Amino acid sequence: MTSLTVLVPTYKRPEDLRGFLACVRPQIVGRADRSLIVVNDGTHDESYAAVLAEHDGWFTYIAKPQNGGPAAARNFGAQAATGDFIVFTDDDCRAPPHWLDYLQARLEAAPWLDGIAGYTRPVMEDPKSLRERMIANSAVLPGATYDEVGRLICAVTAAFAVRRSFFVRVGGFDETFRPSGEDLDLTQRVIRAGAILDADSNWWTGHTTADTIKSYLKRYYTYGMGSARYAMTRRDWTHPDVRNYATPEVRARTVAGWVSGLKGSRKYQAAGWLERAALRWFTGAVAREYARGYAEGAEKFCRPGAEPPTEAWMLWPRLGYAADGLPRR
């Protein structure tokens, strides 16, 4: 039977960890083919000790002495992983009861797969909160992303299972991608190492919507910067963001596209006029912060002599990759 090691980092969020453990415990305890590793990224204190006291040692808990970011925490924890697949997720995720059952069945039904990229669905603490409804119904929660020709671009670590041998083969996460971009970079390096990945919309985990608007906007700014760092560092000029955020004019059209896509959603159409206005504002604000992060990241990480090409055809996906691992021109 395919074995799974769930790996989750935590940082200054003991209450989130408590909620996460409550969801996954019934799926792991008593199963020899499943295990959990929690890596505290340098913030173990009395609050975390209280969370551990509620459990009887059914998972491995690693307290790092210093904070190193999520990529470093995941790499650190992966050294103790024993499962055939490492299942990455976050402490603010709330796995449904079938989460690991479905994943295991999916992998065993398709033994040629080296990884599954999943999605997230909103979990609201207060459905009456306009702020939480904006986050939940704006469709900006993390999930697997594709390019225009249907190729998987990024598997987010809120829900990503990858064969441990491939993770080890590529050297794990690149810890220089901090505070974001490591998911995108790992996905591409695993694919280029020969892994066969698939995205499955039926494999999803819940994601809390309790963040403040300010923290959410900051998060998407760092996502944009991480995407630019990947494109410029790896010189992957076929990455969609290179096309979609290259100039102010293109960025403006892309931001408008975020809002246009929102208007076609059922949740938007079912909302009242006030909530629709709030959703448009929030989605536009998130898109603008992502675009701003990408633009500033592209300027920061671009190196002389390694600028993106100016010919438009070079920015579009090509089938296959060159021998050096870069996209074919």
Protein backbone atom coordinates (compact mmCIF):
# COMPACT_ATOMS: atom_id res chain seq x y z
CA MET A 1 0.00 0.00 0.00
CA THR A 2 1.20 3.51 -0.81
CA SER A 3 2.41 5.20 2.36
CA LEU A 4 2.01 8.91 3.15
CA THR A 5 3.90 11.34 5.36
CA VAL A 6 1.99 14.58 5.93
CA LEU A 7 4.35 17.50 6.54
CA VAL A 8 3.21 20.87 7.89
CA PRO A 9 5.27 23.85 9.10
CA THR A 10 3.94 26.21 11.74
CA TYR A 11 5.03 29.68 12.78
CA LYS A 12 3.42 31.78 15.50
CA ARG A 13 0.05 30.08 14.95
CA PRO A 14 -0.61 27.59 17.77
CA GLU A 15 -4.40 27.95 17.45
CA ASP A 16 -4.25 27.21 13.74
CA LEU A 17 -2.18 24.13 14.48
CA ARG A 18 -4.72 23.01 17.07
CA GLY A 19 -7.50 23.20 14.49
CA PHE A 20 -5.41 21.40 11.88
CA LEU A 21 -4.54 18.53 14.22
CA ALA A 22 -8.17 18.00 15.11
CA CYS A 23 -8.98 17.47 11.42
CA VAL A 24 -6.16 15.10 10.49
CA ARG A 25 -5.87 13.03 13.67
CA PRO A 26 -8.73 10.63 12.80
CA GLN A 27 -7.15 10.09 9.38
CA ILE A 28 -3.71 9.13 10.73
CA VAL A 29 -3.96 7.55 14.19
CA GLY A 30 -3.92 3.75 13.96
CA ARG A 31 -2.67 3.73 10.37
CA ALA A 32 0.81 2.26 9.86
CA ASP A 33 0.86 3.63 6.32
CA ARG A 34 0.31 7.26 7.39
CA SER A 35 2.28 9.64 9.55
CA LEU A 36 2.47 13.35 10.36
CA ILE A 37 5.46 15.62 10.90
CA VAL A 38 4.98 19.12 12.32
CA VAL A 39 7.91 21.54 12.14
CA ASN A 40 7.76 24.57 14.40
CA ASP A 41 9.86 27.16 12.61
CA GLY A 42 11.53 28.73 15.64
CA THR A 43 8.50 29.81 17.71
CA HIS A 44 7.93 27.04 20.24
CA ASP A 45 6.53 28.51 23.46
CA GLU A 46 3.97 27.78 26.17
CA SER A 47 1.10 28.14 23.70
CA TYR A 48 2.51 25.41 21.49
CA ALA A 49 3.31 23.29 24.54
CA ALA A 50 -0.37 23.49 25.49
CA VAL A 51 -1.38 22.23 22.05
CA LEU A 52 1.04 19.30 22.34
CA ALA A 53 -0.29 18.48 25.81
CA GLU A 54 -3.71 17.83 24.27
CA HIS A 55 -2.23 15.05 22.14
CA ASP A 56 -0.57 11.80 23.09
CA GLY A 57 2.46 11.91 20.82
CA TRP A 58 0.75 10.43 17.78
CA PHE A 59 2.84 12.62 15.45
CA THR A 60 6.44 13.77 15.18
CA TYR A 61 7.01 17.30 16.44
CA ILE A 62 10.23 19.11 15.54
CA ALA A 63 11.02 22.47 17.13
CA LYS A 64 13.65 24.31 15.10
CA PRO A 65 15.87 26.61 17.18
CA GLN A 66 15.73 29.43 14.60
CA ASN A 67 13.26 30.67 12.04
CA GLY A 68 14.26 29.92 8.45
CA GLY A 69 11.04 30.30 6.46
CA PRO A 70 8.57 27.70 5.17
CA ALA A 71 10.91 26.22 2.54
CA ALA A 72 13.62 25.56 5.12
CA ALA A 73 11.09 24.16 7.60
CA ARG A 74 9.71 21.75 5.02
CA ASN A 75 13.19 20.62 3.97
CA PHE A 76 14.10 20.10 7.61
CA GLY A 77 11.01 18.00 8.26
CA ALA A 78 11.38 16.02 5.04
CA GLN A 79 14.59 14.51 6.37
CA ALA A 80 12.47 12.55 8.84
CA ALA A 81 9.81 11.52 6.29
CA THR A 82 9.45 7.80 5.60
CA GLY A 83 6.36 7.63 3.37
CA ASP A 84 6.41 6.90 -0.34
CA PHE A 85 4.83 10.33 -0.80
CA ILE A 86 5.26 13.55 1.15
CA VAL A 87 1.97 15.41 1.53
CA PHE A 88 2.53 19.13 2.02
CA THR A 89 -0.09 21.34 3.63
CA ASP A 90 -0.34 24.31 6.02
CA ASP A 91 -1.46 24.77 9.61
CA ASP A 92 -4.32 27.09 8.55
CA CYS A 93 -5.78 24.33 6.36
CA ARG A 94 -8.70 22.16 7.48
CA ALA A 95 -8.61 18.78 5.77
CA PRO A 96 -12.00 17.16 5.11
CA PRO A 97 -12.57 13.64 6.52
CA HIS A 98 -11.88 11.98 3.16
CA TRP A 99 -8.69 13.93 2.41
CA LEU A 100 -6.07 11.20 2.81
CA ASP A 101 -8.40 8.37 1.79
CA TYR A 102 -9.07 10.00 -1.56
CA LEU A 103 -5.41 10.83 -2.13
CA GLN A 104 -4.26 7.30 -1.34
CA ALA A 105 -6.89 5.76 -3.60
CA ARG A 106 -6.00 8.15 -6.40
CA LEU A 107 -2.30 7.32 -6.21
CA GLU A 108 -2.87 3.59 -6.06
CA ALA A 109 -5.26 3.73 -9.02
CA ALA A 110 -2.59 5.54 -11.06
CA PRO A 111 0.77 4.14 -9.89
CA TRP A 112 2.59 6.01 -12.66
CA LEU A 113 1.84 9.35 -11.04
CA ASP A 114 4.63 11.02 -9.09
CA GLY A 115 2.47 13.70 -7.57
CA ILE A 116 -0.98 15.21 -7.15
CA ALA A 117 -1.61 18.96 -7.04
CA GLY A 118 -4.73 19.89 -5.11
CA TYR A 119 -6.92 22.88 -4.39
CA THR A 120 -8.39 24.74 -1.43
CA ARG A 121 -11.92 25.68 -0.47
CA PRO A 122 -12.88 28.38 2.02
CA VAL A 123 -13.65 27.60 5.65
CA MET A 124 -15.31 30.60 7.30
CA GLU A 125 -15.28 31.08 11.06
CA ASP A 126 -18.01 33.74 10.84
CA PRO A 127 -20.21 33.51 7.73
CA LYS A 128 -21.82 36.81 8.72
CA SER A 129 -18.51 38.64 8.36
CA LEU A 130 -18.33 40.63 5.12
CA ARG A 131 -14.54 40.43 5.28
CA GLU A 132 -14.58 36.62 5.39
CA ARG A 133 -17.19 36.41 2.64
CA MET A 134 -15.03 38.65 0.45
CA ILE A 135 -12.06 36.33 0.91
CA ALA A 136 -14.13 33.17 0.49
CA ASN A 137 -16.15 34.25 -2.56
CA SER A 138 -13.48 36.12 -4.50
CA ALA A 139 -11.86 32.87 -5.70
CA VAL A 140 -8.35 33.98 -4.70
CA LEU A 141 -7.59 31.05 -2.39
CA PRO A 142 -4.52 29.02 -3.47
CA GLY A 143 -4.76 26.11 -5.86
CA ALA A 144 -2.99 24.40 -8.75
CA THR A 145 -2.44 26.68 -11.76
CA TYR A 146 -2.01 26.01 -15.48
CA ASP A 147 -0.67 27.88 -18.46
CA GLU A 148 -2.59 28.65 -21.66
CA VAL A 149 -1.83 25.27 -23.24
CA GLY A 150 -2.96 23.27 -20.23
CA ARG A 151 0.37 22.46 -18.59
CA LEU A 152 0.65 22.45 -14.81
CA ILE A 153 2.61 25.51 -13.70
CA CYS A 154 2.41 25.47 -9.92
CA ALA A 155 1.30 23.02 -7.24
CA VAL A 156 0.72 24.93 -4.02
CA THR A 157 1.93 23.45 -0.77
CA ALA A 158 -1.48 23.88 0.84
CA ALA A 159 -2.27 20.62 -0.97
CA PHE A 160 0.56 18.90 -2.81
CA ALA A 161 1.61 15.25 -2.65
CA VAL A 162 4.93 14.39 -4.31
CA ARG A 163 6.85 11.15 -4.50
CA ARG A 164 9.58 11.39 -1.86
CA SER A 165 12.25 10.01 -4.20
CA PHE A 166 11.66 12.87 -6.65
CA PHE A 167 11.68 15.44 -3.86
CA VAL A 168 15.06 14.11 -2.72
CA ARG A 169 16.34 13.91 -6.31
CA VAL A 170 15.82 17.63 -6.94
CA GLY A 171 17.21 18.64 -3.54
CA GLY A 172 13.91 19.74 -2.00
CA PHE A 173 12.82 23.35 -1.86
CA ASP A 174 15.20 26.14 -2.80
CA GLU A 175 15.46 27.95 0.53
CA THR A 176 16.51 31.22 -1.13
CA PHE A 177 12.90 31.61 -2.29
CA ARG A 178 11.67 33.44 0.78
CA PRO A 179 9.00 34.47 1.60
CA SER A 180 7.36 33.01 -1.52
CA GLY A 181 7.97 31.40 -4.89
CA GLU A 182 9.28 28.10 -3.53
CA ASP A 183 6.11 26.20 -4.54
CA LEU A 184 6.38 27.33 -8.17
CA ASP A 185 10.11 26.62 -8.29
CA LEU A 186 9.76 23.13 -6.80
CA THR A 187 6.93 22.22 -9.17
CA GLN A 188 8.98 23.15 -12.22
CA ARG A 189 12.15 21.43 -11.03
CA VAL A 190 10.26 18.21 -10.23
CA ILE A 191 8.60 18.24 -13.65
CA ARG A 192 11.93 18.82 -15.39
CA ALA A 193 13.41 15.93 -13.41
CA GLY A 194 10.90 13.67 -15.14
CA ALA A 195 8.05 13.49 -12.63
CA ILE A 196 4.52 12.94 -13.88
CA LEU A 197 2.19 15.28 -12.00
CA ASP A 198 -1.55 15.73 -12.22
CA ALA A 199 -3.95 18.24 -10.70
CA ASP A 200 -7.19 16.95 -9.23
CA SER A 201 -10.00 19.34 -8.33
CA ASN A 202 -11.62 16.58 -6.26
CA TRP A 203 -8.62 16.55 -3.93
CA TRP A 204 -8.95 19.67 -1.87
CA THR A 205 -8.48 20.92 1.66
CA GLY A 206 -10.28 23.64 3.55
CA HIS A 207 -8.49 26.95 4.03
CA THR A 208 -9.41 29.42 6.75
CA THR A 209 -10.52 32.93 5.81
CA ALA A 210 -9.72 34.63 9.10
CA ASP A 211 -6.83 36.78 7.80
CA THR A 212 -7.16 40.54 7.76
CA ILE A 213 -7.52 42.34 4.45
CA LYS A 214 -4.12 43.95 5.00
CA SER A 215 -2.39 40.61 5.52
CA TYR A 216 -4.11 39.13 2.48
CA LEU A 217 -2.96 41.97 0.25
CA LYS A 218 0.57 41.61 1.63
CA ARG A 219 0.46 37.89 0.92
CA TYR A 220 -0.42 38.42 -2.73
CA TYR A 221 2.26 41.05 -3.10
CA THR A 222 4.82 38.47 -1.95
CA TYR A 223 3.28 35.88 -4.29
CA GLY A 224 3.84 38.25 -7.21
CA MET A 225 7.41 38.94 -6.16
CA GLY A 226 8.08 35.22 -5.73
CA SER A 227 6.77 34.53 -9.23
CA ALA A 228 9.07 37.21 -10.66
CA ARG A 229 12.00 35.81 -8.71
CA TYR A 230 11.37 32.39 -10.20
CA ALA A 231 11.06 33.69 -13.78
CA MET A 232 14.17 35.86 -13.56
CA THR A 233 16.29 33.40 -11.58
CA ARG A 234 15.45 30.35 -13.68
CA ARG A 235 15.13 32.37 -16.91
CA ASP A 236 11.79 30.74 -17.62
CA TRP A 237 10.42 33.23 -20.13
CA THR A 238 7.45 31.01 -20.99
CA HIS A 239 6.01 31.38 -17.48
CA PRO A 240 2.59 33.07 -17.91
CA ASP A 241 3.37 35.94 -15.55
CA VAL A 242 6.16 37.12 -17.86
CA ARG A 243 3.46 37.75 -20.47
CA ASN A 244 0.71 38.92 -18.16
CA TYR A 245 2.63 41.42 -16.04
CA ALA A 246 5.48 42.58 -18.27
CA THR A 247 4.40 46.23 -18.75
CA PRO A 248 2.01 48.65 -16.99
CA GLU A 249 -0.47 48.36 -19.85
CA VAL A 250 -0.46 44.56 -19.80
CA ARG A 251 -0.69 44.52 -16.00
CA ALA A 252 -3.76 46.75 -16.13
CA ARG A 253 -5.49 44.39 -18.56
CA THR A 254 -4.59 41.39 -16.43
CA VAL A 255 -5.97 43.02 -13.28
CA ALA A 256 -9.18 43.78 -15.17
CA GLY A 257 -9.25 40.11 -16.17
CA TRP A 258 -9.25 39.05 -12.50
CA VAL A 259 -12.35 41.17 -11.88
CA SER A 260 -14.01 40.02 -15.11
CA GLY A 261 -13.50 36.39 -14.12
CA LEU A 262 -15.07 37.09 -10.75
CA LYS A 263 -18.24 38.42 -12.37
CA GLY A 264 -18.83 35.08 -14.06
CA SER A 265 -18.84 33.13 -10.79
CA ARG A 266 -22.07 31.83 -9.27
CA LYS A 267 -21.22 33.22 -5.83
CA TYR A 268 -20.81 36.71 -7.26
CA GLN A 269 -24.05 36.52 -9.19
CA ALA A 270 -25.93 35.30 -6.11
CA ALA A 271 -24.64 38.16 -3.93
CA GLY A 272 -26.42 41.42 -3.21
CA TRP A 273 -25.27 44.71 -4.75
CA LEU A 274 -23.24 45.77 -1.70
CA GLU A 275 -21.41 42.46 -1.49
CA ARG A 276 -20.80 42.50 -5.23
CA ALA A 277 -19.16 45.89 -4.92
CA ALA A 278 -17.03 44.61 -2.03
CA LEU A 279 -16.01 41.54 -4.03
CA ARG A 280 -15.01 43.65 -7.03
CA TRP A 281 -12.95 45.95 -4.84
CA PHE A 282 -11.23 43.13 -2.97
CA THR A 283 -10.44 41.07 -6.08
CA GLY A 284 -9.10 44.15 -7.86
CA ALA A 285 -7.00 45.10 -4.83
CA VAL A 286 -5.53 41.59 -4.59
CA ALA A 287 -4.78 41.56 -8.33
CA ARG A 288 -3.10 44.97 -8.17
CA GLU A 289 -0.91 43.89 -5.26
CA TYR A 290 0.10 40.73 -7.11
CA ALA A 291 0.92 42.80 -10.19
CA ARG A 292 2.88 45.31 -8.12
CA GLY A 293 4.83 42.51 -6.46
CA TYR A 294 5.66 40.98 -9.83
CA ALA A 295 6.76 44.30 -11.33
CA GLU A 296 9.02 45.14 -8.39
CA GLY A 297 10.33 41.58 -8.25
CA ALA A 298 11.17 41.58 -11.96
CA GLU A 299 13.17 44.76 -11.50
CA LYS A 300 14.89 43.44 -8.39
CA PHE A 301 15.87 39.99 -9.65
CA CYS A 302 16.56 40.63 -13.33
CA ARG A 303 20.28 40.41 -14.09
CA PRO A 304 22.20 42.23 -16.87
CA GLY A 305 22.60 39.97 -19.86
CA ALA A 306 19.74 37.72 -18.72
CA GLU A 307 16.74 39.92 -19.49
CA PRO A 308 13.51 38.47 -20.90
CA PRO A 309 13.45 38.40 -24.73
CA THR A 310 11.66 41.19 -26.54
CA GLU A 311 10.22 38.99 -29.30
CA ALA A 312 6.65 38.09 -28.34
CA TRP A 313 6.81 34.57 -29.78
CA MET A 314 9.64 33.68 -27.39
CA LEU A 315 7.37 34.35 -24.42
CA TRP A 316 4.82 31.67 -25.34
CA PRO A 317 4.95 28.02 -24.25
CA ARG A 318 6.87 25.56 -26.35
CA LEU A 319 6.60 21.79 -26.22
CA GLY A 320 9.49 20.25 -24.34
CA TYR A 321 12.62 21.67 -22.77
CA ALA A 322 16.17 22.14 -23.91
CA ALA A 323 19.01 19.96 -22.64
CA ASP A 324 19.97 22.59 -20.07
CA GLY A 325 16.52 22.40 -18.52
CA LEU A 326 15.33 25.75 -19.88
CA PRO A 327 12.21 26.03 -22.05
CA ARG A 328 12.84 25.46 -25.75
CA ARG A 329 12.79 28.54 -27.92
